[in-house]
Amino acid sequence: MMPSPGITAVVPSVAAVLDPAARWVQFTEPLPEWQHRELGRWLAEHRGTGLRVYGNYRGGLDDLEFLRHYPRVAGFALDTMHGEAPDLSGLRHLPDDLEQLTLGVPSGEHGETLLARTTGLRLLMIAAHKRLPAAMTGLRHLTTLLIEGPVKDIDGVSALTSVEKLTLRSVTLPDLSALLPLRSLTSLELKLGGTRDLALLPQLGPITYLEIWLIRGLSDLSMLQDVITLERLGLEALRNVTELPDLSRLTRLTNVSLRNMKGLTDLSALATAPALQHLWLWESPNLQPEAVLPLVGHPSLKTAHLGIGGAKKRAAAQALLRLPPE
């Protein structure tokens, strides 16, 4: 699991040029002590940049004791470890005022202890855990949360009422009831997994951004017609979805992206979205140029990317729609 887009610096040696605008500095193999000291001082002066440790391809990273050189780092990420994870007791060196944290390996008691004292965290990414750390429920300032399976029980998330952005990857839920208390939630991403019952989506909120990607067996998206706060919608690789609902009540919906939606051959529902401005169709060879006809003359549609196959099909669809490509 990556910390976030914007990892822009890698530190192979002291000669590396560190961009003050970089969001993350990262390394895959142990650094010498003197370099840790220098990097620790640099990160203390550039609080907007976090430290990421990943890979460990040669297995030389045995522990995290080097973190004693980073008493003022604002963000730390440990993920994508190959082979055995290092001894995590060095997490104790991280500061209490940590703002961003990625735990991409099972963290056990060390993770619990860390989360219990870093209660000001704003962003947390957690992966490879069979259960969520109990101390997570104390993160009352958390605004961004990403959870990657194999965790099965996310009931503890209900206590995190300040969360605004939530991503669930490879997580399967019986329904969305655990998310109902998240009244500040504006962004929801459901990726992989098998959460097929989305009936409670309209009761979450206020959701403005929704992305649903490769949910096994999901076929019913009728509840979307009642998510009236929605502004941006992304659907990808939902092979069992054959139709979209009427979107006439979604008066704020301006952006729609559909990628690899093999079962969808009718785009007429998109024409009912009264504020639609930008449409992206990706990897959609199943669509014929005539599929865009319901959108011809849409009063607010400004641009359309029509990835419906070869150049001839795309040109034919673009000619019908008479809109500039995005």
C-alpha atoms as a PDB file:
ATOM      1  CA  MET A   1       0.000   0.000   0.000  1.00  0.00           C
ATOM      2  CA  MET A   2       1.475   3.334  -1.052  1.00  0.00           C
ATOM      3  CA  PRO A   3       1.303   6.327   1.297  1.00  0.00           C
ATOM      4  CA  SER A   4      -0.276   8.544  -1.367  1.00  0.00           C
ATOM      5  CA  PRO A   5       0.413  10.029  -4.774  1.00  0.00           C
ATOM      6  CA  GLY A   6       3.319  12.428  -4.682  1.00  0.00           C
ATOM      7  CA  ILE A   7       6.200  10.240  -3.471  1.00  0.00           C
ATOM      8  CA  THR A   8       8.836  12.245  -5.252  1.00  0.00           C
ATOM      9  CA  ALA A   9      12.245  11.652  -3.652  1.00  0.00           C
ATOM     10  CA  VAL A  10      14.452   8.588  -3.216  1.00  0.00           C
ATOM     11  CA  VAL A  11      17.569   8.728  -1.030  1.00  0.00           C
ATOM     12  CA  PRO A  12      20.372   6.468  -2.285  1.00  0.00           C
ATOM     13  CA  SER A  13      23.191   8.675  -0.977  1.00  0.00           C
ATOM     14  CA  VAL A  14      23.967  11.927   0.778  1.00  0.00           C
ATOM     15  CA  ALA A  15      24.389  13.537  -2.646  1.00  0.00           C
ATOM     16  CA  ALA A  16      20.710  13.064  -3.415  1.00  0.00           C
ATOM     17  CA  VAL A  17      18.930  16.305  -4.125  1.00  0.00           C
ATOM     18  CA  LEU A  18      15.908  16.578  -1.864  1.00  0.00           C
ATOM     19  CA  ASP A  19      13.134  18.748  -3.193  1.00  0.00           C
ATOM     20  CA  PRO A  20      11.567  20.822  -0.390  1.00  0.00           C
ATOM     21  CA  ALA A  21       8.217  20.309  -2.123  1.00  0.00           C
ATOM     22  CA  ALA A  22       8.503  16.489  -1.952  1.00  0.00           C
ATOM     23  CA  ARG A  23       5.753  14.827   0.040  1.00  0.00           C
ATOM     24  CA  TRP A  24       7.701  11.653   0.839  1.00  0.00           C
ATOM     25  CA  VAL A  25      11.347  10.576   0.994  1.00  0.00           C
ATOM     26  CA  GLN A  26      11.782   6.823   0.671  1.00  0.00           C
ATOM     27  CA  PHE A  27      14.404   4.086   0.798  1.00  0.00           C
ATOM     28  CA  THR A  28      14.394   0.312   0.325  1.00  0.00           C
ATOM     29  CA  GLU A  29      17.627  -0.724   2.020  1.00  0.00           C
ATOM     30  CA  PRO A  30      19.409   0.314   5.235  1.00  0.00           C
ATOM     31  CA  LEU A  31      21.177   3.651   5.254  1.00  0.00           C
ATOM     32  CA  PRO A  32      24.349   4.441   7.212  1.00  0.00           C
ATOM     33  CA  GLU A  33      23.945   6.201  10.551  1.00  0.00           C
ATOM     34  CA  TRP A  34      25.397   9.480   9.335  1.00  0.00           C
ATOM     35  CA  GLN A  35      22.881   9.630   6.521  1.00  0.00           C
ATOM     36  CA  HIS A  36      19.992   8.972   8.895  1.00  0.00           C
ATOM     37  CA  ARG A  37      21.207  11.847  11.054  1.00  0.00           C
ATOM     38  CA  GLU A  38      21.385  14.190   8.063  1.00  0.00           C
ATOM     39  CA  LEU A  39      18.017  13.108   6.709  1.00  0.00           C
ATOM     40  CA  GLY A  40      16.448  13.386  10.164  1.00  0.00           C
ATOM     41  CA  ARG A  41      17.596  16.991  10.440  1.00  0.00           C
ATOM     42  CA  TRP A  42      16.282  17.746   6.947  1.00  0.00           C
ATOM     43  CA  LEU A  43      12.860  16.252   7.697  1.00  0.00           C
ATOM     44  CA  ALA A  44      12.672  18.185  10.975  1.00  0.00           C
ATOM     45  CA  GLU A  45      13.007  21.367   8.930  1.00  0.00           C
ATOM     46  CA  HIS A  46      10.549  20.231   6.244  1.00  0.00           C
ATOM     47  CA  ARG A  47       7.563  19.034   8.228  1.00  0.00           C
ATOM     48  CA  GLY A  48       5.467  18.631   5.116  1.00  0.00           C
ATOM     49  CA  THR A  49       7.593  15.674   3.981  1.00  0.00           C
ATOM     50  CA  GLY A  50       7.242  12.159   5.362  1.00  0.00           C
ATOM     51  CA  LEU A  51       9.578   9.147   5.516  1.00  0.00           C
ATOM     52  CA  ARG A  52       8.732   5.869   3.773  1.00  0.00           C
ATOM     53  CA  VAL A  53      10.552   2.545   4.241  1.00  0.00           C
ATOM     54  CA  TYR A  54       9.574  -0.261   1.866  1.00  0.00           C
ATOM     55  CA  GLY A  55      10.808  -3.270  -0.051  1.00  0.00           C
ATOM     56  CA  ASN A  56      13.741  -4.541   2.023  1.00  0.00           C
ATOM     57  CA  TYR A  57      14.678  -6.548  -1.048  1.00  0.00           C
ATOM     58  CA  ARG A  58      18.022  -7.755   0.298  1.00  0.00           C
ATOM     59  CA  GLY A  59      16.701  -8.450   3.760  1.00  0.00           C
ATOM     60  CA  GLY A  60      19.122  -6.097   5.487  1.00  0.00           C
ATOM     61  CA  LEU A  61      16.520  -4.141   7.421  1.00  0.00           C
ATOM     62  CA  ASP A  62      16.215  -6.045  10.704  1.00  0.00           C
ATOM     63  CA  ASP A  63      14.672  -3.357  12.906  1.00  0.00           C
ATOM     64  CA  LEU A  64      13.483   0.250  13.018  1.00  0.00           C
ATOM     65  CA  GLU A  65      15.970   1.602  15.538  1.00  0.00           C
ATOM     66  CA  PHE A  66      17.076   4.161  12.957  1.00  0.00           C
ATOM     67  CA  LEU A  67      13.850   6.031  13.780  1.00  0.00           C
ATOM     68  CA  ARG A  68      15.644   7.554  16.787  1.00  0.00           C
ATOM     69  CA  HIS A  69      17.098   9.996  14.262  1.00  0.00           C
ATOM     70  CA  TYR A  70      13.608  11.222  13.278  1.00  0.00           C
ATOM     71  CA  PRO A  71      12.118  12.757  16.434  1.00  0.00           C
ATOM     72  CA  ARG A  72      10.244  15.427  14.480  1.00  0.00           C
ATOM     73  CA  VAL A  73       9.080  13.603  11.363  1.00  0.00           C
ATOM     74  CA  ALA A  74       5.450  14.373  10.511  1.00  0.00           C
ATOM     75  CA  GLY A  75       4.678  11.240   8.499  1.00  0.00           C
ATOM     76  CA  PHE A  76       5.974   7.667   8.460  1.00  0.00           C
ATOM     77  CA  ALA A  77       5.152   4.736   6.183  1.00  0.00           C
ATOM     78  CA  LEU A  78       6.265   1.115   6.442  1.00  0.00           C
ATOM     79  CA  ASP A  79       4.869  -1.113   3.722  1.00  0.00           C
ATOM     80  CA  THR A  80       5.456  -3.621   0.933  1.00  0.00           C
ATOM     81  CA  MET A  81       8.019  -5.555   2.967  1.00  0.00           C
ATOM     82  CA  HIS A  82       9.471  -8.587   1.186  1.00  0.00           C
ATOM     83  CA  GLY A  83      10.273 -11.556   3.379  1.00  0.00           C
ATOM     84  CA  GLU A  84       9.926 -11.194   7.128  1.00  0.00           C
ATOM     85  CA  ALA A  85       8.929  -7.816   8.490  1.00  0.00           C
ATOM     86  CA  PRO A  86      11.570  -6.114  10.649  1.00  0.00           C
ATOM     87  CA  ASP A  87      11.351  -5.836  14.425  1.00  0.00           C
ATOM     88  CA  LEU A  88       8.832  -3.050  14.972  1.00  0.00           C
ATOM     89  CA  SER A  89       9.810  -2.060  18.500  1.00  0.00           C
ATOM     90  CA  GLY A  90      11.609   0.955  17.008  1.00  0.00           C
ATOM     91  CA  LEU A  91       8.202   2.517  16.339  1.00  0.00           C
ATOM     92  CA  ARG A  92       8.534   3.866  19.882  1.00  0.00           C
ATOM     93  CA  HIS A  93      10.895   6.528  18.533  1.00  0.00           C
ATOM     94  CA  LEU A  94       8.217   8.163  16.398  1.00  0.00           C
ATOM     95  CA  PRO A  95       6.886  11.441  17.831  1.00  0.00           C
ATOM     96  CA  ASP A  96       3.559  11.761  19.607  1.00  0.00           C
ATOM     97  CA  ASP A  97       2.499  14.494  17.190  1.00  0.00           C
ATOM     98  CA  LEU A  98       2.779  12.279  14.095  1.00  0.00           C
ATOM     99  CA  GLU A  99       0.263  13.387  11.468  1.00  0.00           C
ATOM    100  CA  GLN A 100       0.383  10.592   8.863  1.00  0.00           C
ATOM    101  CA  LEU A 101       1.045   6.881   9.298  1.00  0.00           C
ATOM    102  CA  THR A 102       1.063   3.816   7.056  1.00  0.00           C
ATOM    103  CA  LEU A 103       1.284   0.392   8.701  1.00  0.00           C
ATOM    104  CA  GLY A 104       1.538  -2.027   5.807  1.00  0.00           C
ATOM    105  CA  VAL A 105       2.744  -4.967   7.911  1.00  0.00           C
ATOM    106  CA  PRO A 106       1.139  -6.671  10.927  1.00  0.00           C
ATOM    107  CA  SER A 107       2.052  -4.368  13.786  1.00  0.00           C
ATOM    108  CA  GLY A 108       0.742  -6.176  16.890  1.00  0.00           C
ATOM    109  CA  GLU A 109       1.420  -4.575  20.260  1.00  0.00           C
ATOM    110  CA  HIS A 110       3.870  -2.083  18.771  1.00  0.00           C
ATOM    111  CA  GLY A 111       1.195  -0.713  16.477  1.00  0.00           C
ATOM    112  CA  GLU A 112      -1.321  -0.582  19.317  1.00  0.00           C
ATOM    113  CA  THR A 113       1.107   1.361  21.493  1.00  0.00           C
ATOM    114  CA  LEU A 114       1.938   3.776  18.700  1.00  0.00           C
ATOM    115  CA  LEU A 115      -1.697   4.477  17.815  1.00  0.00           C
ATOM    116  CA  ALA A 116      -2.587   4.938  21.473  1.00  0.00           C
ATOM    117  CA  ARG A 117      -0.246   7.934  21.771  1.00  0.00           C
ATOM    118  CA  THR A 118      -0.403   9.453  18.268  1.00  0.00           C
ATOM    119  CA  THR A 119      -3.987  10.552  18.743  1.00  0.00           C
ATOM    120  CA  GLY A 120      -3.558  13.590  16.517  1.00  0.00           C
ATOM    121  CA  LEU A 121      -3.144  11.516  13.354  1.00  0.00           C
ATOM    122  CA  ARG A 122      -4.867  13.012  10.341  1.00  0.00           C
ATOM    123  CA  LEU A 123      -4.158  10.198   7.857  1.00  0.00           C
ATOM    124  CA  LEU A 124      -3.878   6.468   8.493  1.00  0.00           C
ATOM    125  CA  MET A 125      -3.302   3.641   6.022  1.00  0.00           C
ATOM    126  CA  ILE A 126      -3.385   0.109   7.375  1.00  0.00           C
ATOM    127  CA  ALA A 127      -2.851  -3.158   5.497  1.00  0.00           C
ATOM    128  CA  ALA A 128      -1.946  -6.795   6.082  1.00  0.00           C
ATOM    129  CA  HIS A 129      -3.764  -6.855   9.421  1.00  0.00           C
ATOM    130  CA  LYS A 130      -6.258  -9.604  10.208  1.00  0.00           C
ATOM    131  CA  ARG A 131      -7.963  -7.276  12.668  1.00  0.00           C
ATOM    132  CA  LEU A 132      -7.864  -3.544  13.142  1.00  0.00           C
ATOM    133  CA  PRO A 133      -5.857  -2.256  16.125  1.00  0.00           C
ATOM    134  CA  ALA A 134      -8.223  -1.461  18.991  1.00  0.00           C
ATOM    135  CA  ALA A 135      -6.394   1.816  19.612  1.00  0.00           C
ATOM    136  CA  MET A 136      -7.680   3.147  16.290  1.00  0.00           C
ATOM    137  CA  THR A 137     -10.938   4.129  17.964  1.00  0.00           C
ATOM    138  CA  GLY A 138      -9.102   6.897  19.816  1.00  0.00           C
ATOM    139  CA  LEU A 139      -8.076   8.724  16.632  1.00  0.00           C
ATOM    140  CA  ARG A 140     -10.657  11.477  16.895  1.00  0.00           C
ATOM    141  CA  HIS A 141      -8.890  13.855  14.496  1.00  0.00           C
ATOM    142  CA  LEU A 142      -8.486  11.351  11.655  1.00  0.00           C
ATOM    143  CA  THR A 143      -9.789  12.690   8.336  1.00  0.00           C
ATOM    144  CA  THR A 144      -8.347  10.183   5.834  1.00  0.00           C
ATOM    145  CA  LEU A 145      -8.448   6.409   6.360  1.00  0.00           C
ATOM    146  CA  LEU A 146      -7.387   3.629   3.991  1.00  0.00           C
ATOM    147  CA  ILE A 147      -7.854  -0.017   4.951  1.00  0.00           C
ATOM    148  CA  GLU A 148      -6.591  -2.916   2.880  1.00  0.00           C
ATOM    149  CA  GLY A 149      -7.544  -6.517   3.610  1.00  0.00           C
ATOM    150  CA  PRO A 150      -7.423  -9.237   4.824  1.00  0.00           C
ATOM    151  CA  VAL A 151      -9.208  -7.523   7.742  1.00  0.00           C
ATOM    152  CA  LYS A 152     -12.807  -8.725   7.978  1.00  0.00           C
ATOM    153  CA  ASP A 153     -14.278  -6.741  10.889  1.00  0.00           C
ATOM    154  CA  ILE A 154     -14.197  -2.953  10.559  1.00  0.00           C
ATOM    155  CA  ASP A 155     -16.778  -2.139  13.235  1.00  0.00           C
ATOM    156  CA  GLY A 156     -14.187  -0.010  15.044  1.00  0.00           C
ATOM    157  CA  VAL A 157     -14.336   2.450  12.155  1.00  0.00           C
ATOM    158  CA  SER A 158     -17.762   3.568  13.384  1.00  0.00           C
ATOM    159  CA  ALA A 159     -16.054   5.525  16.170  1.00  0.00           C
ATOM    160  CA  LEU A 160     -14.001   7.610  13.735  1.00  0.00           C
ATOM    161  CA  THR A 161     -16.658  10.215  13.104  1.00  0.00           C
ATOM    162  CA  SER A 162     -14.188  12.833  11.827  1.00  0.00           C
ATOM    163  CA  VAL A 163     -13.217  10.717   8.785  1.00  0.00           C
ATOM    164  CA  GLU A 164     -13.923  12.513   5.528  1.00  0.00           C
ATOM    165  CA  LYS A 165     -12.145  10.238   3.034  1.00  0.00           C
ATOM    166  CA  LEU A 166     -12.390   6.451   3.297  1.00  0.00           C
ATOM    167  CA  THR A 167     -10.911   3.773   1.042  1.00  0.00           C
ATOM    168  CA  LEU A 168     -11.679   0.082   1.567  1.00  0.00           C
ATOM    169  CA  ARG A 169      -9.553  -2.219  -0.589  1.00  0.00           C
ATOM    170  CA  SER A 170      -9.951  -6.006  -0.621  1.00  0.00           C
ATOM    171  CA  VAL A 171     -12.427  -5.701   2.248  1.00  0.00           C
ATOM    172  CA  THR A 172     -15.787  -7.493   2.142  1.00  0.00           C
ATOM    173  CA  LEU A 173     -18.675  -6.195   4.253  1.00  0.00           C
ATOM    174  CA  PRO A 174     -22.187  -7.601   4.583  1.00  0.00           C
ATOM    175  CA  ASP A 175     -23.489  -4.048   4.047  1.00  0.00           C
ATOM    176  CA  LEU A 176     -22.484  -0.456   4.751  1.00  0.00           C
ATOM    177  CA  SER A 177     -24.051  -0.125   8.205  1.00  0.00           C
ATOM    178  CA  ALA A 178     -20.651   0.243   9.912  1.00  0.00           C
ATOM    179  CA  LEU A 179     -20.165   3.496   7.992  1.00  0.00           C
ATOM    180  CA  LEU A 180     -23.437   5.163   8.990  1.00  0.00           C
ATOM    181  CA  PRO A 181     -21.917   7.072  11.952  1.00  0.00           C
ATOM    182  CA  LEU A 182     -19.388   8.768   9.646  1.00  0.00           C
ATOM    183  CA  ARG A 183     -21.427  11.892   9.140  1.00  0.00           C
ATOM    184  CA  SER A 184     -18.453  13.878   7.771  1.00  0.00           C
ATOM    185  CA  LEU A 185     -17.752  11.348   5.001  1.00  0.00           C
ATOM    186  CA  THR A 186     -17.462  13.041   1.604  1.00  0.00           C
ATOM    187  CA  SER A 187     -15.276  10.570  -0.319  1.00  0.00           C
ATOM    188  CA  LEU A 188     -15.739   6.798  -0.482  1.00  0.00           C
ATOM    189  CA  GLU A 189     -13.695   4.328  -2.538  1.00  0.00           C
ATOM    190  CA  LEU A 190     -14.656   0.646  -2.621  1.00  0.00           C
ATOM    191  CA  LYS A 191     -11.974  -1.386  -4.401  1.00  0.00           C
ATOM    192  CA  LEU A 192     -11.892  -5.155  -4.832  1.00  0.00           C
ATOM    193  CA  GLY A 193     -13.537  -7.311  -2.196  1.00  0.00           C
ATOM    194  CA  GLY A 194     -17.119  -8.523  -2.375  1.00  0.00           C
ATOM    195  CA  THR A 195     -19.312  -5.873  -0.748  1.00  0.00           C
ATOM    196  CA  ARG A 196     -22.413  -6.260  -2.898  1.00  0.00           C
ATOM    197  CA  ASP A 197     -25.095  -4.706  -0.667  1.00  0.00           C
ATOM    198  CA  LEU A 198     -24.769  -0.949  -1.192  1.00  0.00           C
ATOM    199  CA  ALA A 199     -28.367  -0.095  -0.294  1.00  0.00           C
ATOM    200  CA  LEU A 200     -27.274   2.258   2.494  1.00  0.00           C
ATOM    201  CA  LEU A 201     -25.192   4.495   0.232  1.00  0.00           C
ATOM    202  CA  PRO A 202     -27.811   7.279   0.197  1.00  0.00           C
ATOM    203  CA  GLN A 203     -27.730   7.371   3.997  1.00  0.00           C
ATOM    204  CA  LEU A 204     -23.990   7.920   4.160  1.00  0.00           C
ATOM    205  CA  GLY A 205     -22.700  11.266   3.727  1.00  0.00           C
ATOM    206  CA  PRO A 206     -22.599  13.750   2.454  1.00  0.00           C
ATOM    207  CA  ILE A 207     -20.817  11.754  -0.273  1.00  0.00           C
ATOM    208  CA  THR A 208     -19.511  13.950  -3.085  1.00  0.00           C
ATOM    209  CA  TYR A 209     -16.950  11.496  -4.553  1.00  0.00           C
ATOM    210  CA  LEU A 210     -17.660   7.801  -5.093  1.00  0.00           C
ATOM    211  CA  GLU A 211     -15.429   5.223  -6.756  1.00  0.00           C
ATOM    212  CA  ILE A 212     -16.374   1.555  -7.100  1.00  0.00           C
ATOM    213  CA  TRP A 213     -13.844  -0.795  -8.648  1.00  0.00           C
ATOM    214  CA  LEU A 214     -13.956  -4.541  -9.306  1.00  0.00           C
ATOM    215  CA  ILE A 215     -16.473  -5.582  -6.654  1.00  0.00           C
ATOM    216  CA  ARG A 216     -17.141  -9.259  -7.279  1.00  0.00           C
ATOM    217  CA  GLY A 217     -20.778 -10.048  -8.021  1.00  0.00           C
ATOM    218  CA  LEU A 218     -22.047  -6.474  -7.743  1.00  0.00           C
ATOM    219  CA  SER A 219     -24.880  -5.925 -10.188  1.00  0.00           C
ATOM    220  CA  ASP A 220     -27.314  -3.462  -8.588  1.00  0.00           C
ATOM    221  CA  LEU A 221     -26.502   0.249  -8.615  1.00  0.00           C
ATOM    222  CA  SER A 222     -30.074   1.464  -8.334  1.00  0.00           C
ATOM    223  CA  MET A 223     -29.300   3.207  -5.028  1.00  0.00           C
ATOM    224  CA  LEU A 224     -27.141   5.741  -6.856  1.00  0.00           C
ATOM    225  CA  GLN A 225     -30.266   7.602  -7.896  1.00  0.00           C
ATOM    226  CA  ASP A 226     -30.705   8.715  -4.286  1.00  0.00           C
ATOM    227  CA  VAL A 227     -27.123   9.841  -3.528  1.00  0.00           C
ATOM    228  CA  ILE A 228     -28.130  13.429  -4.216  1.00  0.00           C
ATOM    229  CA  THR A 229     -24.909  15.008  -2.878  1.00  0.00           C
ATOM    230  CA  LEU A 230     -22.752  13.178  -5.442  1.00  0.00           C
ATOM    231  CA  GLU A 231     -20.487  15.342  -7.614  1.00  0.00           C
ATOM    232  CA  ARG A 232     -17.997  12.834  -9.079  1.00  0.00           C
ATOM    233  CA  LEU A 233     -18.610   9.174  -9.882  1.00  0.00           C
ATOM    234  CA  GLY A 234     -16.151   6.526 -11.026  1.00  0.00           C
ATOM    235  CA  LEU A 235     -17.140   2.963 -11.920  1.00  0.00           C
ATOM    236  CA  GLU A 236     -14.646   0.357 -13.099  1.00  0.00           C
ATOM    237  CA  ALA A 237     -14.627  -3.335 -13.980  1.00  0.00           C
ATOM    238  CA  LEU A 238     -18.135  -4.106 -12.705  1.00  0.00           C
ATOM    239  CA  ARG A 239     -18.896  -6.775 -15.266  1.00  0.00           C
ATOM    240  CA  ASN A 240     -22.341  -7.645 -13.847  1.00  0.00           C
ATOM    241  CA  VAL A 241     -23.663  -4.092 -14.037  1.00  0.00           C
ATOM    242  CA  THR A 242     -25.816  -3.865 -17.155  1.00  0.00           C
ATOM    243  CA  GLU A 243     -27.614  -0.592 -16.513  1.00  0.00           C
ATOM    244  CA  LEU A 244     -27.346   2.667 -14.621  1.00  0.00           C
ATOM    245  CA  PRO A 245     -30.295   4.188 -12.776  1.00  0.00           C
ATOM    246  CA  ASP A 246     -32.079   7.432 -13.506  1.00  0.00           C
ATOM    247  CA  LEU A 247     -29.774  10.237 -12.314  1.00  0.00           C
ATOM    248  CA  SER A 248     -32.190  13.141 -12.557  1.00  0.00           C
ATOM    249  CA  ARG A 249     -32.088  13.833  -8.804  1.00  0.00           C
ATOM    250  CA  LEU A 250     -28.300  14.150  -8.820  1.00  0.00           C
ATOM    251  CA  THR A 251     -28.251  17.866  -9.551  1.00  0.00           C
ATOM    252  CA  ARG A 252     -24.604  18.233  -8.424  1.00  0.00           C
ATOM    253  CA  LEU A 253     -23.132  15.399 -10.473  1.00  0.00           C
ATOM    254  CA  THR A 254     -20.675  16.957 -12.946  1.00  0.00           C
ATOM    255  CA  ASN A 255     -18.048  14.247 -13.589  1.00  0.00           C
ATOM    256  CA  VAL A 256     -18.554  10.583 -14.552  1.00  0.00           C
ATOM    257  CA  SER A 257     -15.839   8.062 -15.415  1.00  0.00           C
ATOM    258  CA  LEU A 258     -16.655   4.564 -16.683  1.00  0.00           C
ATOM    259  CA  ARG A 259     -13.804   2.117 -17.288  1.00  0.00           C
ATOM    260  CA  ASN A 260     -13.990  -1.465 -18.527  1.00  0.00           C
ATOM    261  CA  MET A 261     -17.738  -1.736 -17.856  1.00  0.00           C
ATOM    262  CA  LYS A 262     -18.270  -4.707 -20.160  1.00  0.00           C
ATOM    263  CA  GLY A 263     -21.911  -5.305 -19.307  1.00  0.00           C
ATOM    264  CA  LEU A 264     -22.980  -1.719 -19.949  1.00  0.00           C
ATOM    265  CA  THR A 265     -24.146  -1.017 -23.500  1.00  0.00           C
ATOM    266  CA  ASP A 266     -26.733   1.714 -22.863  1.00  0.00           C
ATOM    267  CA  LEU A 267     -25.650   5.215 -21.787  1.00  0.00           C
ATOM    268  CA  SER A 268     -29.092   6.793 -21.788  1.00  0.00           C
ATOM    269  CA  ALA A 269     -29.160   7.078 -17.987  1.00  0.00           C
ATOM    270  CA  LEU A 270     -26.248   9.513 -18.163  1.00  0.00           C
ATOM    271  CA  ALA A 271     -28.417  11.881 -20.178  1.00  0.00           C
ATOM    272  CA  THR A 272     -30.704  12.233 -17.168  1.00  0.00           C
ATOM    273  CA  ALA A 273     -27.914  13.789 -15.039  1.00  0.00           C
ATOM    274  CA  PRO A 274     -28.880  17.471 -15.312  1.00  0.00           C
ATOM    275  CA  ALA A 275     -25.476  18.976 -14.389  1.00  0.00           C
ATOM    276  CA  LEU A 276     -23.148  16.525 -16.171  1.00  0.00           C
ATOM    277  CA  GLN A 277     -20.144  18.396 -17.598  1.00  0.00           C
ATOM    278  CA  HIS A 278     -17.352  15.876 -18.170  1.00  0.00           C
ATOM    279  CA  LEU A 279     -17.587  12.242 -19.272  1.00  0.00           C
ATOM    280  CA  TRP A 280     -14.764   9.717 -19.545  1.00  0.00           C
ATOM    281  CA  LEU A 281     -15.230   6.320 -21.177  1.00  0.00           C
ATOM    282  CA  TRP A 282     -12.185   4.062 -20.895  1.00  0.00           C
ATOM    283  CA  GLU A 283     -11.560   0.563 -22.210  1.00  0.00           C
ATOM    284  CA  SER A 284     -15.136   0.282 -23.491  1.00  0.00           C
ATOM    285  CA  PRO A 285     -14.974  -1.602 -26.820  1.00  0.00           C
ATOM    286  CA  ASN A 286     -18.378  -3.090 -26.009  1.00  0.00           C
ATOM    287  CA  LEU A 287     -19.967   0.283 -26.779  1.00  0.00           C
ATOM    288  CA  GLN A 288     -20.954   1.288 -30.297  1.00  0.00           C
ATOM    289  CA  PRO A 289     -20.739   4.910 -31.500  1.00  0.00           C
ATOM    290  CA  GLU A 290     -24.545   5.125 -31.413  1.00  0.00           C
ATOM    291  CA  ALA A 291     -24.441   4.654 -27.626  1.00  0.00           C
ATOM    292  CA  VAL A 292     -23.650   8.373 -27.249  1.00  0.00           C
ATOM    293  CA  LEU A 293     -26.790   9.500 -29.104  1.00  0.00           C
ATOM    294  CA  PRO A 294     -28.822  10.063 -25.892  1.00  0.00           C
ATOM    295  CA  LEU A 295     -26.150  12.583 -24.845  1.00  0.00           C
ATOM    296  CA  VAL A 296     -26.297  14.658 -28.015  1.00  0.00           C
ATOM    297  CA  GLY A 297     -27.444  18.136 -27.120  1.00  0.00           C
ATOM    298  CA  HIS A 298     -27.086  17.646 -23.364  1.00  0.00           C
ATOM    299  CA  PRO A 299     -27.348  21.214 -22.008  1.00  0.00           C
ATOM    300  CA  SER A 300     -24.362  21.109 -19.653  1.00  0.00           C
ATOM    301  CA  LEU A 301     -22.017  18.481 -21.129  1.00  0.00           C
ATOM    302  CA  LYS A 302     -18.744  20.164 -22.119  1.00  0.00           C
ATOM    303  CA  THR A 303     -16.190  17.424 -22.826  1.00  0.00           C
ATOM    304  CA  ALA A 304     -16.130  13.704 -23.469  1.00  0.00           C
ATOM    305  CA  HIS A 305     -13.313  11.171 -23.703  1.00  0.00           C
ATOM    306  CA  LEU A 306     -14.645   8.279 -25.754  1.00  0.00           C
ATOM    307  CA  GLY A 307     -12.434   5.232 -25.356  1.00  0.00           C
ATOM    308  CA  ILE A 308     -14.818   2.838 -27.061  1.00  0.00           C
ATOM    309  CA  GLY A 309     -12.402   0.942 -29.279  1.00  0.00           C
ATOM    310  CA  GLY A 310     -10.356   1.748 -32.360  1.00  0.00           C
ATOM    311  CA  ALA A 311      -9.778   5.138 -33.903  1.00  0.00           C
ATOM    312  CA  LYS A 312     -12.655   4.705 -36.386  1.00  0.00           C
ATOM    313  CA  LYS A 313     -15.240   4.027 -33.673  1.00  0.00           C
ATOM    314  CA  ARG A 314     -13.956   6.860 -31.526  1.00  0.00           C
ATOM    315  CA  ALA A 315     -14.088   9.300 -34.403  1.00  0.00           C
ATOM    316  CA  ALA A 316     -17.632   8.241 -35.272  1.00  0.00           C
ATOM    317  CA  ALA A 317     -18.796   8.701 -31.704  1.00  0.00           C
ATOM    318  CA  GLN A 318     -17.052  12.069 -31.429  1.00  0.00           C
ATOM    319  CA  ALA A 319     -18.702  13.214 -34.642  1.00  0.00           C
ATOM    320  CA  LEU A 320     -22.123  12.278 -33.285  1.00  0.00           C
ATOM    321  CA  LEU A 321     -21.571  14.009 -29.976  1.00  0.00           C
ATOM    322  CA  ARG A 322     -19.924  17.104 -31.461  1.00  0.00           C
ATOM    323  CA  LEU A 323     -17.950  17.866 -28.293  1.00  0.00           C
ATOM    324  CA  PRO A 324     -14.245  18.407 -27.715  1.00  0.00           C
ATOM    325  CA  PRO A 325     -12.418  15.399 -26.242  1.00  0.00           C
ATOM    326  CA  GLU A 326     -11.193  15.566 -22.641  1.00  0.00           C
END
